[in-house]
């Protein structure tokens, strides 16, 4: 740990940037940490974040907190940052590593919850549920129309997974079990578990686009995945395909997705993430028959959020007690 090696001989002050579940915060206080809690519902501006971080030894933050080069130059004194999320694209990991600051995260805590959202969006989009619910609110539930607003059945379709990690695996298991779907996947590494358990097939990105009836995104956001679902990608998909994204909004190019939906290049889309966030209330996708949009609630269960709070807290506690961290993005700084 070098110059940043610290002990718990005196209380460490931790900046808590949002109103996180109490179980993790209580655990930190029980272990002798002093918490500087941001008590407003809105996120801090970066200047507010820097001002408060300068008073603290460590930080428990989340995706709305921008930890970029400017922040790190102002707050190089920080000994640890623990992220309340499985993703960390809000953090300059290279810069943090250069500054010797370990970055914690909370993998797998939200896998079940997010897979449920992906699965639910798939069903809702295939049957136009969001649109038809809104038609009731507008007083448009009229007489029976044998060919009106028809959806598509999901049994024996082909599911394509882009990014077969923990969440992608759980989505694949749900689709295989419920609908007997064939599973294709495109990922950085092969999943022998998925191939053995689900008879999943490892394919190229182009093959994934061309052969998927449902294409569900579960990748990280990085330079390789940013905007990868663009006009050219949507043109290669089946016209009957449904696009699902519960990972990160910038993985798809939103104007290109809108164009694909408006022109019938794909059948529909189910989104828990958008670009930008929050989505503008006048975005035309919100009124389209073939689109379902949720406000980034993938981890929004009591169980998932509580587990995330505990994991984030344990990362900080372990760092100060042992010099290690159970879930660290850049463990090389701990050596």
C-alpha atoms as a PDB file:
ATOM      1  CA  UNK A   1       0.000   0.000   0.000  1.00  0.00           C
ATOM      2  CA  UNK A   2       3.078   2.265   0.180  1.00  0.00           C
ATOM      3  CA  UNK A   3       2.529   5.880   1.196  1.00  0.00           C
ATOM      4  CA  UNK A   4      -1.228   5.334   1.464  1.00  0.00           C
ATOM      5  CA  UNK A   5      -0.930   2.610   4.094  1.00  0.00           C
ATOM      6  CA  UNK A   6      -3.159   3.556   7.005  1.00  0.00           C
ATOM      7  CA  UNK A   7      -4.351   1.996  10.229  1.00  0.00           C
ATOM      8  CA  UNK A   8      -7.559   2.359  12.206  1.00  0.00           C
ATOM      9  CA  UNK A   9      -5.773   3.888  15.199  1.00  0.00           C
ATOM     10  CA  UNK A  10      -7.856   6.983  14.575  1.00  0.00           C
ATOM     11  CA  UNK A  11     -11.275   7.334  12.983  1.00  0.00           C
ATOM     12  CA  UNK A  12     -11.329   7.536   9.223  1.00  0.00           C
ATOM     13  CA  UNK A  13     -13.823   9.905   7.622  1.00  0.00           C
ATOM     14  CA  UNK A  14     -15.750   8.504   4.640  1.00  0.00           C
ATOM     15  CA  UNK A  15     -17.733  10.703   2.259  1.00  0.00           C
ATOM     16  CA  UNK A  16     -21.075   9.032   1.464  1.00  0.00           C
ATOM     17  CA  UNK A  17     -22.344  10.671  -1.704  1.00  0.00           C
ATOM     18  CA  UNK A  18     -25.968   9.491  -1.732  1.00  0.00           C
ATOM     19  CA  UNK A  19     -28.651   8.199   0.601  1.00  0.00           C
ATOM     20  CA  UNK A  20     -27.561   4.550   0.393  1.00  0.00           C
ATOM     21  CA  UNK A  21     -29.328   1.736   2.313  1.00  0.00           C
ATOM     22  CA  UNK A  22     -28.585   1.858   6.019  1.00  0.00           C
ATOM     23  CA  UNK A  23     -27.234  -1.667   6.437  1.00  0.00           C
ATOM     24  CA  UNK A  24     -23.897  -0.848   4.817  1.00  0.00           C
ATOM     25  CA  UNK A  25     -23.631   2.552   6.462  1.00  0.00           C
ATOM     26  CA  UNK A  26     -24.408   1.067   9.881  1.00  0.00           C
ATOM     27  CA  UNK A  27     -21.672  -1.497   9.333  1.00  0.00           C
ATOM     28  CA  UNK A  28     -19.148   1.262   8.635  1.00  0.00           C
ATOM     29  CA  UNK A  29     -20.151   3.155  11.771  1.00  0.00           C
ATOM     30  CA  UNK A  30     -19.952  -0.025  13.858  1.00  0.00           C
ATOM     31  CA  UNK A  31     -16.372  -0.440  12.645  1.00  0.00           C
ATOM     32  CA  UNK A  32     -15.450   3.054  13.840  1.00  0.00           C
ATOM     33  CA  UNK A  33     -15.692   5.077  10.636  1.00  0.00           C
ATOM     34  CA  UNK A  34     -17.013   8.630  10.682  1.00  0.00           C
ATOM     35  CA  UNK A  35     -19.459   9.248   7.829  1.00  0.00           C
ATOM     36  CA  UNK A  36     -19.886  12.579   6.068  1.00  0.00           C
ATOM     37  CA  UNK A  37     -23.325  12.002   4.526  1.00  0.00           C
ATOM     38  CA  UNK A  38     -24.740  13.973   1.597  1.00  0.00           C
ATOM     39  CA  UNK A  39     -28.347  14.321   2.682  1.00  0.00           C
ATOM     40  CA  UNK A  40     -30.061  15.640  -0.444  1.00  0.00           C
ATOM     41  CA  UNK A  41     -31.838  13.532  -3.065  1.00  0.00           C
ATOM     42  CA  UNK A  42     -30.054  15.181  -5.987  1.00  0.00           C
ATOM     43  CA  UNK A  43     -26.476  14.201  -6.835  1.00  0.00           C
ATOM     44  CA  UNK A  44     -23.705  16.580  -5.891  1.00  0.00           C
ATOM     45  CA  UNK A  45     -22.154  18.755  -8.546  1.00  0.00           C
ATOM     46  CA  UNK A  46     -18.512  17.927  -9.120  1.00  0.00           C
ATOM     47  CA  UNK A  47     -17.395  21.071  -7.292  1.00  0.00           C
ATOM     48  CA  UNK A  48     -19.527  20.057  -4.284  1.00  0.00           C
ATOM     49  CA  UNK A  49     -18.087  16.550  -4.480  1.00  0.00           C
ATOM     50  CA  UNK A  50     -14.500  17.828  -4.533  1.00  0.00           C
ATOM     51  CA  UNK A  51     -15.130  20.244  -1.661  1.00  0.00           C
ATOM     52  CA  UNK A  52     -16.453  17.499   0.599  1.00  0.00           C
ATOM     53  CA  UNK A  53     -13.969  14.847  -0.516  1.00  0.00           C
ATOM     54  CA  UNK A  54     -11.122  17.102   0.582  1.00  0.00           C
ATOM     55  CA  UNK A  55     -12.328  16.630   4.167  1.00  0.00           C
ATOM     56  CA  UNK A  56     -12.296  12.830   3.967  1.00  0.00           C
ATOM     57  CA  UNK A  57      -9.975   9.848   3.787  1.00  0.00           C
ATOM     58  CA  UNK A  58     -12.216   7.710   1.571  1.00  0.00           C
ATOM     59  CA  UNK A  59     -15.407   7.814  -0.407  1.00  0.00           C
ATOM     60  CA  UNK A  60     -18.482   5.660  -1.035  1.00  0.00           C
ATOM     61  CA  UNK A  61     -19.913   6.861  -4.348  1.00  0.00           C
ATOM     62  CA  UNK A  62     -22.045   5.785  -7.300  1.00  0.00           C
ATOM     63  CA  UNK A  63     -22.445   6.211 -11.058  1.00  0.00           C
ATOM     64  CA  UNK A  64     -23.723   9.786 -10.866  1.00  0.00           C
ATOM     65  CA  UNK A  65     -20.429  10.942  -9.313  1.00  0.00           C
ATOM     66  CA  UNK A  66     -17.854  11.990 -11.910  1.00  0.00           C
ATOM     67  CA  UNK A  67     -14.429  10.787 -10.800  1.00  0.00           C
ATOM     68  CA  UNK A  68     -12.373  12.102 -13.692  1.00  0.00           C
ATOM     69  CA  UNK A  69      -8.908  13.578 -14.132  1.00  0.00           C
ATOM     70  CA  UNK A  70      -9.987  16.916 -12.668  1.00  0.00           C
ATOM     71  CA  UNK A  71     -11.444  15.284  -9.560  1.00  0.00           C
ATOM     72  CA  UNK A  72      -8.407  13.061  -9.033  1.00  0.00           C
ATOM     73  CA  UNK A  73      -5.996  15.975  -9.393  1.00  0.00           C
ATOM     74  CA  UNK A  74      -7.908  17.757  -6.630  1.00  0.00           C
ATOM     75  CA  UNK A  75      -8.332  14.695  -4.402  1.00  0.00           C
ATOM     76  CA  UNK A  76      -5.155  12.636  -4.731  1.00  0.00           C
ATOM     77  CA  UNK A  77      -5.111  12.356  -0.937  1.00  0.00           C
ATOM     78  CA  UNK A  78      -7.998   9.857  -0.969  1.00  0.00           C
ATOM     79  CA  UNK A  79      -6.979   6.437   0.291  1.00  0.00           C
ATOM     80  CA  UNK A  80      -9.900   4.408  -1.075  1.00  0.00           C
ATOM     81  CA  UNK A  81     -12.983   4.799  -3.264  1.00  0.00           C
ATOM     82  CA  UNK A  82     -15.765   2.216  -3.084  1.00  0.00           C
ATOM     83  CA  UNK A  83     -18.360   2.324  -5.847  1.00  0.00           C
ATOM     84  CA  UNK A  84     -21.987   1.447  -5.097  1.00  0.00           C
ATOM     85  CA  UNK A  85     -22.474  -0.219  -8.499  1.00  0.00           C
ATOM     86  CA  UNK A  86     -21.250  -3.091 -10.606  1.00  0.00           C
ATOM     87  CA  UNK A  87     -20.138  -0.665 -13.343  1.00  0.00           C
ATOM     88  CA  UNK A  88     -17.503   2.038 -12.967  1.00  0.00           C
ATOM     89  CA  UNK A  89     -17.444   3.956 -16.249  1.00  0.00           C
ATOM     90  CA  UNK A  90     -17.865   7.196 -14.265  1.00  0.00           C
ATOM     91  CA  UNK A  91     -14.365   6.680 -12.847  1.00  0.00           C
ATOM     92  CA  UNK A  92     -11.040   7.279 -14.563  1.00  0.00           C
ATOM     93  CA  UNK A  93      -9.554   3.941 -13.514  1.00  0.00           C
ATOM     94  CA  UNK A  94      -6.172   4.661 -15.112  1.00  0.00           C
ATOM     95  CA  UNK A  95      -5.950   7.982 -13.273  1.00  0.00           C
ATOM     96  CA  UNK A  96      -6.991   6.412  -9.968  1.00  0.00           C
ATOM     97  CA  UNK A  97      -4.414   3.671 -10.393  1.00  0.00           C
ATOM     98  CA  UNK A  98      -1.733   6.246 -11.158  1.00  0.00           C
ATOM     99  CA  UNK A  99      -2.735   8.074  -7.971  1.00  0.00           C
ATOM    100  CA  UNK A 100      -2.563   4.799  -6.002  1.00  0.00           C
ATOM    101  CA  UNK A 101      -6.258   4.824  -5.111  1.00  0.00           C
ATOM    102  CA  UNK A 102      -7.968   1.404  -5.079  1.00  0.00           C
ATOM    103  CA  UNK A 103     -11.455   1.348  -6.589  1.00  0.00           C
ATOM    104  CA  UNK A 104     -14.012  -1.051  -5.146  1.00  0.00           C
ATOM    105  CA  UNK A 105     -17.219  -2.183  -6.842  1.00  0.00           C
ATOM    106  CA  UNK A 106     -20.157  -4.510  -6.130  1.00  0.00           C
ATOM    107  CA  UNK A 107     -20.283  -7.368  -8.669  1.00  0.00           C
ATOM    108  CA  UNK A 108     -23.134  -9.887  -8.749  1.00  0.00           C
ATOM    109  CA  UNK A 109     -25.245  -8.088  -6.127  1.00  0.00           C
ATOM    110  CA  UNK A 110     -27.689  -6.943  -8.811  1.00  0.00           C
ATOM    111  CA  UNK A 111     -27.445  -9.828 -11.285  1.00  0.00           C
ATOM    112  CA  UNK A 112     -30.812 -11.424 -10.499  1.00  0.00           C
ATOM    113  CA  UNK A 113     -32.628  -8.092 -10.367  1.00  0.00           C
ATOM    114  CA  UNK A 114     -31.199  -6.834 -13.660  1.00  0.00           C
ATOM    115  CA  UNK A 115     -31.816 -10.128 -15.455  1.00  0.00           C
ATOM    116  CA  UNK A 116     -35.452  -9.908 -14.327  1.00  0.00           C
ATOM    117  CA  UNK A 117     -35.724  -6.441 -15.902  1.00  0.00           C
ATOM    118  CA  UNK A 118     -34.204  -7.642 -19.179  1.00  0.00           C
ATOM    119  CA  UNK A 119     -36.563 -10.619 -19.226  1.00  0.00           C
ATOM    120  CA  UNK A 120     -39.542  -8.408 -18.394  1.00  0.00           C
ATOM    121  CA  UNK A 121     -38.676  -5.852 -21.081  1.00  0.00           C
ATOM    122  CA  UNK A 122     -38.427  -8.659 -23.623  1.00  0.00           C
ATOM    123  CA  UNK A 123     -41.955  -9.857 -22.810  1.00  0.00           C
ATOM    124  CA  UNK A 124     -43.401  -6.348 -22.559  1.00  0.00           C
ATOM    125  CA  UNK A 125     -41.938  -5.301 -25.910  1.00  0.00           C
ATOM    126  CA  UNK A 126     -42.934  -8.493 -27.697  1.00  0.00           C
ATOM    127  CA  UNK A 127     -46.564  -7.892 -26.659  1.00  0.00           C
ATOM    128  CA  UNK A 128     -46.566  -4.045 -26.787  1.00  0.00           C
ATOM    129  CA  UNK A 129     -47.613  -3.882 -23.146  1.00  0.00           C
ATOM    130  CA  UNK A 130     -46.428  -0.362 -22.326  1.00  0.00           C
ATOM    131  CA  UNK A 131     -48.146   1.144 -25.367  1.00  0.00           C
ATOM    132  CA  UNK A 132     -51.401  -0.721 -24.812  1.00  0.00           C
ATOM    133  CA  UNK A 133     -51.497   0.215 -21.123  1.00  0.00           C
ATOM    134  CA  UNK A 134     -51.185   3.879 -22.130  1.00  0.00           C
ATOM    135  CA  UNK A 135     -54.039   3.412 -24.593  1.00  0.00           C
ATOM    136  CA  UNK A 136     -56.323   2.555 -21.659  1.00  0.00           C
ATOM    137  CA  UNK A 137     -55.288   5.745 -19.851  1.00  0.00           C
ATOM    138  CA  UNK A 138     -56.207   7.708 -22.985  1.00  0.00           C
ATOM    139  CA  UNK A 139     -59.652   6.081 -23.174  1.00  0.00           C
ATOM    140  CA  UNK A 140     -58.796   4.129 -26.316  1.00  0.00           C
ATOM    141  CA  UNK A 141     -59.769   0.638 -25.139  1.00  0.00           C
ATOM    142  CA  UNK A 142     -62.526   0.041 -27.664  1.00  0.00           C
ATOM    143  CA  UNK A 143     -63.954  -2.990 -29.416  1.00  0.00           C
ATOM    144  CA  UNK A 144     -62.194  -6.250 -30.240  1.00  0.00           C
ATOM    145  CA  UNK A 145     -59.953  -6.030 -33.323  1.00  0.00           C
ATOM    146  CA  UNK A 146     -58.746  -9.454 -34.535  1.00  0.00           C
ATOM    147  CA  UNK A 147     -55.660  -7.975 -36.206  1.00  0.00           C
ATOM    148  CA  UNK A 148     -55.056  -5.010 -33.914  1.00  0.00           C
ATOM    149  CA  UNK A 149     -51.673  -4.464 -32.177  1.00  0.00           C
ATOM    150  CA  UNK A 150     -50.511  -8.045 -32.586  1.00  0.00           C
ATOM    151  CA  UNK A 151     -47.384  -9.138 -30.746  1.00  0.00           C
ATOM    152  CA  UNK A 152     -45.072 -12.083 -31.234  1.00  0.00           C
ATOM    153  CA  UNK A 153     -44.611 -15.265 -29.221  1.00  0.00           C
ATOM    154  CA  UNK A 154     -41.214 -16.054 -27.731  1.00  0.00           C
ATOM    155  CA  UNK A 155     -41.218 -19.845 -27.630  1.00  0.00           C
ATOM    156  CA  UNK A 156     -38.301 -21.455 -29.503  1.00  0.00           C
ATOM    157  CA  UNK A 157     -36.858 -18.098 -30.603  1.00  0.00           C
ATOM    158  CA  UNK A 158     -33.129 -17.362 -30.714  1.00  0.00           C
ATOM    159  CA  UNK A 159     -31.674 -15.205 -27.956  1.00  0.00           C
ATOM    160  CA  UNK A 160     -28.454 -13.331 -28.659  1.00  0.00           C
ATOM    161  CA  UNK A 161     -26.435 -12.125 -25.668  1.00  0.00           C
ATOM    162  CA  UNK A 162     -23.888  -9.347 -26.121  1.00  0.00           C
ATOM    163  CA  UNK A 163     -21.578  -9.648 -23.116  1.00  0.00           C
ATOM    164  CA  UNK A 164     -22.109 -12.988 -21.393  1.00  0.00           C
ATOM    165  CA  UNK A 165     -21.108 -12.187 -17.836  1.00  0.00           C
ATOM    166  CA  UNK A 166     -23.087 -12.831 -14.658  1.00  0.00           C
ATOM    167  CA  UNK A 167     -26.216 -10.936 -15.752  1.00  0.00           C
ATOM    168  CA  UNK A 168     -26.117 -12.202 -19.325  1.00  0.00           C
ATOM    169  CA  UNK A 169     -25.861 -15.766 -18.040  1.00  0.00           C
ATOM    170  CA  UNK A 170     -28.918 -15.325 -15.834  1.00  0.00           C
ATOM    171  CA  UNK A 171     -30.883 -13.825 -18.715  1.00  0.00           C
ATOM    172  CA  UNK A 172     -29.904 -16.781 -20.902  1.00  0.00           C
ATOM    173  CA  UNK A 173     -30.985 -19.250 -18.211  1.00  0.00           C
ATOM    174  CA  UNK A 174     -34.386 -17.560 -17.926  1.00  0.00           C
ATOM    175  CA  UNK A 175     -34.973 -17.593 -21.682  1.00  0.00           C
ATOM    176  CA  UNK A 176     -33.820 -21.185 -22.089  1.00  0.00           C
ATOM    177  CA  UNK A 177     -35.947 -22.398 -19.192  1.00  0.00           C
ATOM    178  CA  UNK A 178     -39.109 -20.453 -19.966  1.00  0.00           C
ATOM    179  CA  UNK A 179     -39.166 -20.536 -23.754  1.00  0.00           C
ATOM    180  CA  UNK A 180     -36.684 -23.174 -24.883  1.00  0.00           C
ATOM    181  CA  UNK A 181     -34.690 -20.530 -26.737  1.00  0.00           C
ATOM    182  CA  UNK A 182     -31.504 -21.237 -28.631  1.00  0.00           C
ATOM    183  CA  UNK A 183     -28.670 -19.175 -27.133  1.00  0.00           C
ATOM    184  CA  UNK A 184     -26.031 -17.306 -29.118  1.00  0.00           C
ATOM    185  CA  UNK A 185     -23.451 -15.092 -27.466  1.00  0.00           C
ATOM    186  CA  UNK A 186     -20.702 -12.664 -28.381  1.00  0.00           C
ATOM    187  CA  UNK A 187     -18.338 -11.833 -25.532  1.00  0.00           C
ATOM    188  CA  UNK A 188     -14.726 -10.999 -24.721  1.00  0.00           C
ATOM    189  CA  UNK A 189     -14.182 -14.528 -23.459  1.00  0.00           C
ATOM    190  CA  UNK A 190     -15.898 -17.841 -24.048  1.00  0.00           C
ATOM    191  CA  UNK A 191     -18.229 -19.209 -21.395  1.00  0.00           C
ATOM    192  CA  UNK A 192     -17.747 -22.953 -21.142  1.00  0.00           C
ATOM    193  CA  UNK A 193     -20.425 -22.972 -18.457  1.00  0.00           C
ATOM    194  CA  UNK A 194     -23.015 -21.508 -20.840  1.00  0.00           C
ATOM    195  CA  UNK A 195     -21.975 -23.831 -23.637  1.00  0.00           C
ATOM    196  CA  UNK A 196     -22.270 -26.885 -21.397  1.00  0.00           C
ATOM    197  CA  UNK A 197     -25.414 -25.929 -19.457  1.00  0.00           C
ATOM    198  CA  UNK A 198     -27.389 -24.113 -22.156  1.00  0.00           C
ATOM    199  CA  UNK A 199     -25.828 -25.400 -25.401  1.00  0.00           C
ATOM    200  CA  UNK A 200     -24.941 -21.764 -26.084  1.00  0.00           C
ATOM    201  CA  UNK A 201     -22.919 -20.991 -29.209  1.00  0.00           C
ATOM    202  CA  UNK A 202     -20.041 -18.510 -29.283  1.00  0.00           C
ATOM    203  CA  UNK A 203     -20.410 -16.378 -32.425  1.00  0.00           C
ATOM    204  CA  UNK A 204     -19.008 -13.261 -34.056  1.00  0.00           C
ATOM    205  CA  UNK A 205     -20.719  -9.903 -33.653  1.00  0.00           C
ATOM    206  CA  UNK A 206     -22.027 -10.062 -37.221  1.00  0.00           C
ATOM    207  CA  UNK A 207     -23.463 -13.540 -36.647  1.00  0.00           C
ATOM    208  CA  UNK A 208     -25.106 -12.336 -33.453  1.00  0.00           C
ATOM    209  CA  UNK A 209     -26.758  -9.462 -35.314  1.00  0.00           C
ATOM    210  CA  UNK A 210     -27.972 -11.577 -38.221  1.00  0.00           C
ATOM    211  CA  UNK A 211     -29.346 -14.547 -36.291  1.00  0.00           C
ATOM    212  CA  UNK A 212     -30.889 -13.173 -33.071  1.00  0.00           C
ATOM    213  CA  UNK A 213     -34.648 -12.822 -32.617  1.00  0.00           C
ATOM    214  CA  UNK A 214     -33.992 -11.149 -29.257  1.00  0.00           C
ATOM    215  CA  UNK A 215     -30.677  -9.337 -28.814  1.00  0.00           C
ATOM    216  CA  UNK A 216     -29.962  -8.496 -25.176  1.00  0.00           C
ATOM    217  CA  UNK A 217     -27.044  -6.276 -24.164  1.00  0.00           C
ATOM    218  CA  UNK A 218     -25.173  -7.066 -20.920  1.00  0.00           C
ATOM    219  CA  UNK A 219     -21.697  -5.719 -21.660  1.00  0.00           C
ATOM    220  CA  UNK A 220     -19.562  -3.182 -19.854  1.00  0.00           C
ATOM    221  CA  UNK A 221     -19.188   0.280 -21.374  1.00  0.00           C
ATOM    222  CA  UNK A 222     -15.699   0.921 -22.713  1.00  0.00           C
ATOM    223  CA  UNK A 223     -14.011   2.202 -25.861  1.00  0.00           C
ATOM    224  CA  UNK A 224     -14.791  -1.051 -27.688  1.00  0.00           C
ATOM    225  CA  UNK A 225     -18.505  -1.165 -26.830  1.00  0.00           C
ATOM    226  CA  UNK A 226     -19.423   2.536 -26.932  1.00  0.00           C
ATOM    227  CA  UNK A 227     -21.831   3.066 -29.821  1.00  0.00           C
ATOM    228  CA  UNK A 228     -21.299  -0.449 -31.188  1.00  0.00           C
ATOM    229  CA  UNK A 229     -25.024  -0.778 -31.869  1.00  0.00           C
ATOM    230  CA  UNK A 230     -25.218   1.857 -34.579  1.00  0.00           C
ATOM    231  CA  UNK A 231     -26.949   2.273 -37.938  1.00  0.00           C
ATOM    232  CA  UNK A 232     -24.825  -0.419 -39.584  1.00  0.00           C
ATOM    233  CA  UNK A 233     -25.486  -2.864 -36.751  1.00  0.00           C
ATOM    234  CA  UNK A 234     -29.255  -2.360 -36.766  1.00  0.00           C
ATOM    235  CA  UNK A 235     -29.339  -2.788 -40.548  1.00  0.00           C
ATOM    236  CA  UNK A 236     -27.813  -6.265 -40.131  1.00  0.00           C
ATOM    237  CA  UNK A 237     -30.451  -7.396 -37.630  1.00  0.00           C
ATOM    238  CA  UNK A 238     -33.638  -9.214 -38.530  1.00  0.00           C
ATOM    239  CA  UNK A 239     -36.608  -6.964 -39.213  1.00  0.00           C
ATOM    240  CA  UNK A 240     -38.468  -9.121 -36.691  1.00  0.00           C
ATOM    241  CA  UNK A 241     -35.789  -8.696 -33.973  1.00  0.00           C
ATOM    242  CA  UNK A 242     -36.213  -7.026 -30.585  1.00  0.00           C
ATOM    243  CA  UNK A 243     -33.290  -5.087 -29.094  1.00  0.00           C
ATOM    244  CA  UNK A 244     -32.931  -5.060 -25.283  1.00  0.00           C
ATOM    245  CA  UNK A 245     -30.413  -2.925 -23.382  1.00  0.00           C
ATOM    246  CA  UNK A 246     -30.132  -3.068 -19.586  1.00  0.00           C
ATOM    247  CA  UNK A 247     -26.363  -2.414 -19.486  1.00  0.00           C
ATOM    248  CA  UNK A 248     -25.343   1.153 -20.404  1.00  0.00           C
ATOM    249  CA  UNK A 249     -27.122   3.610 -22.685  1.00  0.00           C
ATOM    250  CA  UNK A 250     -24.070   4.662 -24.734  1.00  0.00           C
ATOM    251  CA  UNK A 251     -23.582   1.071 -25.941  1.00  0.00           C
ATOM    252  CA  UNK A 252     -26.272   1.914 -28.496  1.00  0.00           C
ATOM    253  CA  UNK A 253     -26.419   5.015 -30.672  1.00  0.00           C
ATOM    254  CA  UNK A 254     -29.815   6.404 -29.736  1.00  0.00           C
ATOM    255  CA  UNK A 255     -30.573   8.382 -32.933  1.00  0.00           C
ATOM    256  CA  UNK A 256     -29.644   5.303 -34.968  1.00  0.00           C
ATOM    257  CA  UNK A 257     -31.889   3.129 -32.798  1.00  0.00           C
ATOM    258  CA  UNK A 258     -34.782   5.547 -33.233  1.00  0.00           C
ATOM    259  CA  UNK A 259     -34.262   5.477 -37.005  1.00  0.00           C
ATOM    260  CA  UNK A 260     -34.213   1.666 -37.014  1.00  0.00           C
ATOM    261  CA  UNK A 261     -37.492   1.569 -35.080  1.00  0.00           C
ATOM    262  CA  UNK A 262     -39.214   4.206 -37.206  1.00  0.00           C
ATOM    263  CA  UNK A 263     -38.209   2.569 -40.492  1.00  0.00           C
ATOM    264  CA  UNK A 264     -38.950  -1.012 -39.424  1.00  0.00           C
ATOM    265  CA  UNK A 265     -35.341  -2.186 -39.579  1.00  0.00           C
ATOM    266  CA  UNK A 266     -36.056  -3.948 -36.270  1.00  0.00           C
ATOM    267  CA  UNK A 267     -39.327  -4.932 -34.622  1.00  0.00           C
ATOM    268  CA  UNK A 268     -38.929  -3.221 -31.267  1.00  0.00           C
ATOM    269  CA  UNK A 269     -36.753  -2.186 -28.341  1.00  0.00           C
ATOM    270  CA  UNK A 270     -36.830  -2.530 -24.568  1.00  0.00           C
ATOM    271  CA  UNK A 271     -34.567  -0.125 -22.710  1.00  0.00           C
ATOM    272  CA  UNK A 272     -33.690   0.272 -19.050  1.00  0.00           C
ATOM    273  CA  UNK A 273     -30.789   2.546 -20.018  1.00  0.00           C
ATOM    274  CA  UNK A 274     -30.738   5.476 -22.431  1.00  0.00           C
ATOM    275  CA  UNK A 275     -28.317   8.063 -23.750  1.00  0.00           C
ATOM    276  CA  UNK A 276     -28.562  10.592 -22.272  1.00  0.00           C
ATOM    277  CA  UNK A 277     -30.078   9.827 -18.890  1.00  0.00           C
ATOM    278  CA  UNK A 278     -32.630  10.859 -17.900  1.00  0.00           C
ATOM    279  CA  UNK A 279     -34.442  10.528 -21.231  1.00  0.00           C
ATOM    280  CA  UNK A 280     -36.253  13.657 -22.388  1.00  0.00           C
ATOM    281  CA  UNK A 281     -39.986  13.341 -21.712  1.00  0.00           C
ATOM    282  CA  UNK A 282     -40.671  14.329 -25.324  1.00  0.00           C
ATOM    283  CA  UNK A 283     -38.487  11.610 -26.813  1.00  0.00           C
ATOM    284  CA  UNK A 284     -40.574   9.967 -29.569  1.00  0.00           C
ATOM    285  CA  UNK A 285     -39.611   6.492 -28.369  1.00  0.00           C
ATOM    286  CA  UNK A 286     -41.805   7.003 -25.305  1.00  0.00           C
ATOM    287  CA  UNK A 287     -44.942   7.024 -27.451  1.00  0.00           C
ATOM    288  CA  UNK A 288     -43.998   4.314 -29.942  1.00  0.00           C
ATOM    289  CA  UNK A 289     -46.032   1.115 -30.067  1.00  0.00           C
ATOM    290  CA  UNK A 290     -42.953  -1.100 -30.325  1.00  0.00           C
ATOM    291  CA  UNK A 291     -40.834   0.402 -27.525  1.00  0.00           C
ATOM    292  CA  UNK A 292     -40.702  -0.136 -23.748  1.00  0.00           C
ATOM    293  CA  UNK A 293     -38.587   2.231 -21.640  1.00  0.00           C
ATOM    294  CA  UNK A 294     -37.797   2.131 -17.913  1.00  0.00           C
ATOM    295  CA  UNK A 295     -35.828   4.721 -15.882  1.00  0.00           C
ATOM    296  CA  UNK A 296     -32.673   2.644 -15.170  1.00  0.00           C
ATOM    297  CA  UNK A 297     -34.139   0.458 -12.425  1.00  0.00           C
ATOM    298  CA  UNK A 298     -32.155  -2.719 -13.102  1.00  0.00           C
ATOM    299  CA  UNK A 299     -30.854  -2.982  -9.547  1.00  0.00           C
ATOM    300  CA  UNK A 300     -34.077  -1.643  -8.038  1.00  0.00           C
ATOM    301  CA  UNK A 301     -34.984  -4.362  -5.583  1.00  0.00           C
ATOM    302  CA  UNK A 302     -34.636  -4.208  -1.829  1.00  0.00           C
ATOM    303  CA  UNK A 303     -32.435  -7.284  -1.872  1.00  0.00           C
ATOM    304  CA  UNK A 304     -30.059  -5.998  -4.557  1.00  0.00           C
ATOM    305  CA  UNK A 305     -29.662  -2.496  -3.162  1.00  0.00           C
ATOM    306  CA  UNK A 306     -29.060  -3.808   0.372  1.00  0.00           C
ATOM    307  CA  UNK A 307     -26.441  -6.252  -0.886  1.00  0.00           C
ATOM    308  CA  UNK A 308     -24.734  -3.495  -2.881  1.00  0.00           C
ATOM    309  CA  UNK A 309     -24.558  -1.344   0.249  1.00  0.00           C
ATOM    310  CA  UNK A 310     -22.999  -4.182   2.242  1.00  0.00           C
ATOM    311  CA  UNK A 311     -20.438  -5.041  -0.432  1.00  0.00           C
ATOM    312  CA  UNK A 312     -19.427  -1.400  -0.861  1.00  0.00           C
ATOM    313  CA  UNK A 313     -18.989  -1.032   2.897  1.00  0.00           C
ATOM    314  CA  UNK A 314     -17.023  -4.268   3.219  1.00  0.00           C
ATOM    315  CA  UNK A 315     -14.617  -3.101   0.519  1.00  0.00           C
ATOM    316  CA  UNK A 316     -13.730  -0.092   2.670  1.00  0.00           C
ATOM    317  CA  UNK A 317     -13.533  -2.066   5.899  1.00  0.00           C
ATOM    318  CA  UNK A 318     -11.324  -4.763   4.410  1.00  0.00           C
ATOM    319  CA  UNK A 319      -9.012  -2.168   2.873  1.00  0.00           C
ATOM    320  CA  UNK A 320      -8.309  -0.552   6.233  1.00  0.00           C
ATOM    321  CA  UNK A 321      -8.193  -3.762   8.229  1.00  0.00           C
ATOM    322  CA  UNK A 322      -6.170  -5.968   5.878  1.00  0.00           C
ATOM    323  CA  UNK A 323      -4.839  -3.814   3.053  1.00  0.00           C
ATOM    324  CA  UNK A 324      -6.880  -5.912   0.632  1.00  0.00           C
ATOM    325  CA  UNK A 325     -10.325  -5.511  -0.917  1.00  0.00           C
ATOM    326  CA  UNK A 326     -12.836  -8.280  -1.771  1.00  0.00           C
ATOM    327  CA  UNK A 327     -13.919  -6.609  -5.009  1.00  0.00           C
ATOM    328  CA  UNK A 328     -11.336  -4.280  -6.517  1.00  0.00           C
ATOM    329  CA  UNK A 329     -11.170  -2.955 -10.064  1.00  0.00           C
ATOM    330  CA  UNK A 330      -7.432  -2.158  -9.880  1.00  0.00           C
ATOM    331  CA  UNK A 331      -5.924  -4.607  -7.351  1.00  0.00           C
ATOM    332  CA  UNK A 332      -2.403  -3.813  -8.550  1.00  0.00           C
ATOM    333  CA  UNK A 333      -2.394  -0.708  -6.332  1.00  0.00           C
ATOM    334  CA  UNK A 334      -2.870  -2.932  -3.269  1.00  0.00           C
ATOM    335  CA  UNK A 335       0.325  -4.879  -3.855  1.00  0.00           C
END
